[in-house]
């Protein structure tokens, strides 16, 4: 899991205490000492932030996640209202295997993004990504219910809901929550009908619900054969192709 490049913090303009002459307007009043100190502090903070951002980016490019985490923690301390800092901190912690810390960082980032009124579209997209990654961290912690909740929230917010619904499909399949898995797979397929593994999981679940009738025929729920054959159409040499062919043979639809 890699995080996106950080946006450089804006450097403030250098402040001059000299009044600006203007032949068409009154001269601007010079800043007082308090204003000058505030502007200087703002410039210093921006300079520090940019240096830390550069440090974090270089660490990320080198897969030095501990170094990235250290820089990002300083950025969060420098400006605790930036959801992107919290998001990238969570990414670094996830890559380090610090899944509990990552869950917390993503949670902080989500809360900050929810309150963002300056970039609603960007915040929404980021929230979808953070919920997805938080769900993955919950899975690593074996907290399946929390992971499901995170993936469901991600799917609603994501510009690419197919990924979020597919992750949910896999999660529920592994947890043997068959009804939920089929529903999530159907949503993943609706969002992205080119993803073969969604058809494989759906078909596998439905085959598992099949029963032998009085005539000795193996009867499966509606949609089973279609799902399995679509997998083969999309991925004829895929990793699950042998299993799919066996399932089709089992139900007499080679």
Protein backbone atom coordinates (compact mmCIF):
# COMPACT_ATOMS: atom_id res chain seq x y z
CA UNK A 1 0.00 0.00 0.00
CA UNK A 2 1.63 3.25 -1.10
CA UNK A 3 0.56 6.76 -0.27
CA UNK A 4 0.13 9.52 -2.78
CA UNK A 5 2.52 12.43 -2.99
CA UNK A 6 1.90 15.08 -0.39
CA UNK A 7 0.96 18.60 -1.37
CA UNK A 8 3.61 21.11 -0.46
CA UNK A 9 2.57 23.57 2.20
CA UNK A 10 2.27 27.12 0.90
CA UNK A 11 5.16 29.39 1.86
CA UNK A 12 4.12 32.78 3.10
CA UNK A 13 5.45 35.90 1.37
CA UNK A 14 8.40 37.66 2.90
CA UNK A 15 7.29 40.55 5.05
CA UNK A 16 8.73 44.02 4.72
CA UNK A 17 8.32 46.65 7.44
CA UNK A 18 8.76 49.46 4.95
CA UNK A 19 5.67 51.33 3.78
CA UNK A 20 4.86 50.97 0.06
CA UNK A 21 4.61 54.20 -1.86
CA UNK A 22 1.62 54.55 -4.17
CA UNK A 23 0.88 57.73 -6.08
CA UNK A 24 -2.80 56.88 -6.44
CA UNK A 25 -3.54 55.61 -2.94
CA UNK A 26 -2.53 56.36 0.62
CA UNK A 27 0.67 54.71 1.80
CA UNK A 28 0.16 51.37 3.51
CA UNK A 29 0.74 51.39 7.22
CA UNK A 30 3.80 49.41 8.33
CA UNK A 31 3.21 46.20 10.26
CA UNK A 32 3.63 46.39 13.97
CA UNK A 33 6.08 44.08 15.75
CA UNK A 34 3.39 41.55 16.69
CA UNK A 35 2.24 41.20 13.08
CA UNK A 36 5.81 40.84 11.85
CA UNK A 37 6.56 38.10 14.39
CA UNK A 38 3.36 36.25 13.47
CA UNK A 39 4.23 36.36 9.77
CA UNK A 40 7.77 35.21 10.46
CA UNK A 41 6.47 32.31 12.56
CA UNK A 42 4.08 31.34 9.77
CA UNK A 43 6.91 31.36 7.24
CA UNK A 44 9.10 29.30 9.55
CA UNK A 45 6.33 26.72 10.05
CA UNK A 46 5.77 26.44 6.29
CA UNK A 47 9.50 26.00 5.69
CA UNK A 48 9.66 23.26 8.32
CA UNK A 49 6.58 21.54 6.85
CA UNK A 50 8.06 21.52 3.36
CA UNK A 51 11.30 20.01 4.64
CA UNK A 52 9.37 17.28 6.47
CA UNK A 53 7.21 16.59 3.42
CA UNK A 54 10.34 16.15 1.31
CA UNK A 55 11.77 13.83 3.98
CA UNK A 56 8.57 11.75 4.07
CA UNK A 57 8.40 11.46 0.29
CA UNK A 58 12.00 10.31 -0.02
CA UNK A 59 11.48 7.73 2.73
CA UNK A 60 8.34 6.45 1.02
CA UNK A 61 10.14 6.11 -2.31
CA UNK A 62 12.83 4.04 -0.56
CA UNK A 63 10.19 1.93 1.24
CA UNK A 64 11.61 3.30 4.48
CA UNK A 65 8.27 3.30 6.26
CA UNK A 66 9.76 3.95 9.71
CA UNK A 67 11.42 7.08 8.34
CA UNK A 68 8.19 8.14 6.65
CA UNK A 69 6.27 7.60 9.89
CA UNK A 70 8.73 9.72 11.86
CA UNK A 71 8.45 12.63 9.43
CA UNK A 72 4.67 12.37 9.22
CA UNK A 73 4.28 12.33 13.00
CA UNK A 74 6.15 15.62 13.08
CA UNK A 75 3.87 16.99 10.37
CA UNK A 76 0.78 15.96 12.34
CA UNK A 77 2.21 17.65 15.43
CA UNK A 78 2.94 20.75 13.34
CA UNK A 79 -0.60 20.95 11.95
CA UNK A 80 -3.10 18.61 13.58
CA UNK A 81 -5.94 19.83 11.33
CA UNK A 82 -4.52 18.40 8.08
CA UNK A 83 -6.35 15.17 7.17
CA UNK A 84 -3.82 14.37 4.47
CA UNK A 85 -1.04 14.19 7.06
CA UNK A 86 -3.10 11.75 9.13
CA UNK A 87 -3.94 9.70 6.04
CA UNK A 88 -0.33 9.32 4.94
CA UNK A 89 0.73 8.55 8.50
CA UNK A 90 -1.77 5.70 8.51
CA UNK A 91 -0.35 4.44 5.21
CA UNK A 92 3.19 4.40 6.61
CA UNK A 93 2.08 2.62 9.78
CA UNK A 94 0.14 0.05 7.76
CA UNK A 95 3.22 -0.73 5.69
CA UNK A 96 5.22 -1.14 8.89
CA UNK A 97 2.71 -3.66 10.21
CA UNK A 98 1.53 -1.27 12.92
CA UNK A 99 -2.09 -2.01 12.17
CA UNK A 100 -3.58 -0.73 15.42
CA UNK A 101 -1.78 2.60 15.01
CA UNK A 102 -2.88 2.74 11.36
CA UNK A 103 -6.54 2.26 12.36
CA UNK A 104 -6.22 5.20 14.76
CA UNK A 105 -4.50 7.44 12.22
CA UNK A 106 -7.09 6.68 9.55
CA UNK A 107 -9.84 7.37 12.06
CA UNK A 108 -8.31 10.76 12.85
CA UNK A 109 -7.94 11.51 9.14
CA UNK A 110 -11.55 10.56 8.43
CA UNK A 111 -12.85 12.82 11.21
CA UNK A 112 -10.80 15.74 9.90
CA UNK A 113 -11.90 15.12 6.30
CA UNK A 114 -15.55 15.05 7.37
CA UNK A 115 -15.13 18.55 8.77
CA UNK A 116 -13.36 19.89 5.67
CA UNK A 117 -15.48 22.50 3.92
CA UNK A 118 -12.71 23.85 1.66
CA UNK A 119 -12.28 20.78 -0.59
CA UNK A 120 -15.39 18.64 -0.26
CA UNK A 121 -14.66 16.53 -3.34
CA UNK A 122 -11.07 15.82 -2.35
CA UNK A 123 -12.07 15.07 1.23
CA UNK A 124 -14.76 12.64 0.08
CA UNK A 125 -12.34 10.75 -2.13
CA UNK A 126 -9.77 10.62 0.65
CA UNK A 127 -12.35 9.32 3.11
CA UNK A 128 -13.18 6.47 0.75
CA UNK A 129 -9.50 5.55 0.52
CA UNK A 130 -9.02 5.81 4.28
CA UNK A 131 -12.04 3.64 5.05
CA UNK A 132 -10.74 1.03 2.58
CA UNK A 133 -7.28 1.01 4.13
CA UNK A 134 -8.73 1.05 7.62
CA UNK A 135 -10.77 -2.01 6.68
CA UNK A 136 -7.59 -3.75 5.54
CA UNK A 137 -5.93 -2.90 8.85
CA UNK A 138 -8.91 -4.26 10.77
CA UNK A 139 -8.58 -7.50 8.80
CA UNK A 140 -4.95 -7.80 9.85
CA UNK A 141 -6.13 -7.39 13.45
CA UNK A 142 -8.77 -10.10 12.87
CA UNK A 143 -11.58 -7.64 13.62
CA UNK A 144 -13.90 -8.78 10.85
CA UNK A 145 -17.01 -6.87 11.92
CA UNK A 146 -15.10 -3.59 12.06
CA UNK A 147 -13.56 -4.37 8.67
CA UNK A 148 -16.98 -4.98 7.12
CA UNK A 149 -18.27 -1.68 8.49
CA UNK A 150 -15.24 0.19 7.12
CA UNK A 151 -15.53 -1.38 3.66
CA UNK A 152 -19.24 -0.60 3.50
CA UNK A 153 -18.54 3.06 4.27
CA UNK A 154 -15.75 3.10 1.70
CA UNK A 155 -18.00 1.71 -1.01
CA UNK A 156 -20.52 4.50 -0.55
CA UNK A 157 -17.86 7.21 -0.76
CA UNK A 158 -15.46 5.78 -3.30
CA UNK A 159 -15.16 6.98 -6.87
CA UNK A 160 -14.28 3.35 -7.63
CA UNK A 161 -16.79 1.41 -5.52
CA UNK A 162 -16.03 -1.82 -7.35
CA UNK A 163 -12.79 -2.19 -5.39
CA UNK A 164 -14.46 -1.56 -2.04
CA UNK A 165 -17.34 -3.94 -2.75
CA UNK A 166 -14.95 -6.62 -4.00
CA UNK A 167 -12.89 -6.31 -0.81
CA UNK A 168 -16.11 -6.70 1.15
CA UNK A 169 -17.06 -9.70 -1.00
CA UNK A 170 -13.74 -11.41 -0.21
CA UNK A 171 -14.01 -10.60 3.48
CA UNK A 172 -17.50 -12.01 3.83
CA UNK A 173 -16.61 -15.08 1.75
CA UNK A 174 -13.67 -15.86 4.01
CA UNK A 175 -15.89 -15.31 7.04
CA UNK A 176 -18.42 -17.78 5.54
CA UNK A 177 -21.11 -15.09 5.50
CA UNK A 178 -22.50 -16.42 2.23
CA UNK A 179 -25.56 -14.21 1.77
CA UNK A 180 -23.59 -11.06 2.40
CA UNK A 181 -20.76 -12.25 0.16
CA UNK A 182 -23.07 -12.81 -2.82
CA UNK A 183 -24.70 -9.41 -2.32
CA UNK A 184 -21.31 -7.69 -2.12
CA UNK A 185 -20.08 -9.57 -5.19
CA UNK A 186 -23.17 -8.49 -7.13
CA UNK A 187 -22.45 -4.88 -6.21
CA UNK A 188 -18.80 -5.29 -7.18
CA UNK A 189 -19.86 -6.76 -10.53
CA UNK A 190 -22.35 -3.96 -11.12
CA UNK A 191 -19.63 -1.39 -10.48
CA UNK A 192 -16.95 -3.24 -12.46
CA UNK A 193 -18.18 -6.14 -14.62
CA UNK A 194 -14.63 -6.90 -15.79
CA UNK A 195 -13.35 -8.23 -12.45
CA UNK A 196 -13.22 -12.06 -12.86
CA UNK A 197 -12.65 -12.99 -9.21
CA UNK A 198 -15.97 -11.44 -8.20
CA UNK A 199 -17.70 -13.97 -10.47
CA UNK A 200 -15.56 -16.78 -9.08
CA UNK A 201 -16.48 -16.02 -5.48
CA UNK A 202 -20.15 -15.62 -6.32
CA UNK A 203 -20.19 -18.89 -8.26
CA UNK A 204 -18.33 -20.73 -5.49
CA UNK A 205 -20.81 -19.58 -2.85
CA UNK A 206 -23.78 -20.57 -4.97
CA UNK A 207 -22.32 -24.00 -5.77
CA UNK A 208 -21.97 -24.51 -2.04
CA UNK A 209 -25.71 -23.92 -1.71
CA UNK A 210 -26.54 -26.56 -4.34
CA UNK A 211 -28.53 -29.69 -3.50
CA UNK A 212 -29.17 -33.05 -5.12
CA UNK A 213 -32.77 -33.52 -6.23
CA UNK A 214 -34.85 -36.71 -6.27
CA UNK A 215 -33.53 -37.59 -9.71
CA UNK A 216 -29.93 -37.41 -8.61
CA UNK A 217 -29.26 -34.13 -10.35
CA UNK A 218 -27.17 -31.49 -8.61
CA UNK A 219 -29.27 -28.32 -8.62
CA UNK A 220 -27.72 -24.94 -7.96
CA UNK A 221 -29.29 -21.49 -7.39
CA UNK A 222 -30.06 -19.25 -10.32
CA UNK A 223 -27.05 -17.33 -11.57
CA UNK A 224 -24.46 -19.95 -10.62
CA UNK A 225 -23.62 -21.17 -14.12
CA UNK A 226 -23.61 -17.64 -15.51
CA UNK A 227 -21.14 -16.48 -12.86
CA UNK A 228 -18.77 -19.39 -13.42
CA UNK A 229 -18.85 -19.14 -17.20
CA UNK A 230 -18.27 -15.40 -17.03
CA UNK A 231 -15.16 -16.03 -14.96
CA UNK A 232 -13.81 -18.35 -17.66
CA UNK A 233 -14.69 -15.84 -20.36
CA UNK A 234 -12.80 -13.07 -18.58
CA UNK A 235 -9.93 -15.20 -17.33
CA UNK A 236 -9.72 -18.51 -19.25
CA UNK A 237 -6.25 -19.24 -17.88
CA UNK A 238 -6.79 -17.65 -14.49
CA UNK A 239 -5.68 -19.14 -11.20
CA UNK A 240 -9.22 -20.37 -10.46
CA UNK A 241 -9.95 -21.75 -13.95
CA UNK A 242 -9.39 -25.43 -12.98
CA UNK A 243 -11.72 -25.08 -9.97
CA UNK A 244 -14.37 -23.37 -12.07
CA UNK A 245 -14.26 -26.14 -14.68
CA UNK A 246 -14.67 -28.77 -11.95
CA UNK A 247 -17.67 -26.94 -10.55
CA UNK A 248 -19.26 -26.72 -13.98
CA UNK A 249 -18.66 -30.45 -14.49
CA UNK A 250 -20.25 -31.14 -11.11
CA UNK A 251 -23.46 -29.37 -12.08
CA UNK A 252 -23.41 -30.84 -15.59
CA UNK A 253 -22.68 -27.62 -17.43
CA UNK A 254 -19.18 -28.05 -18.88
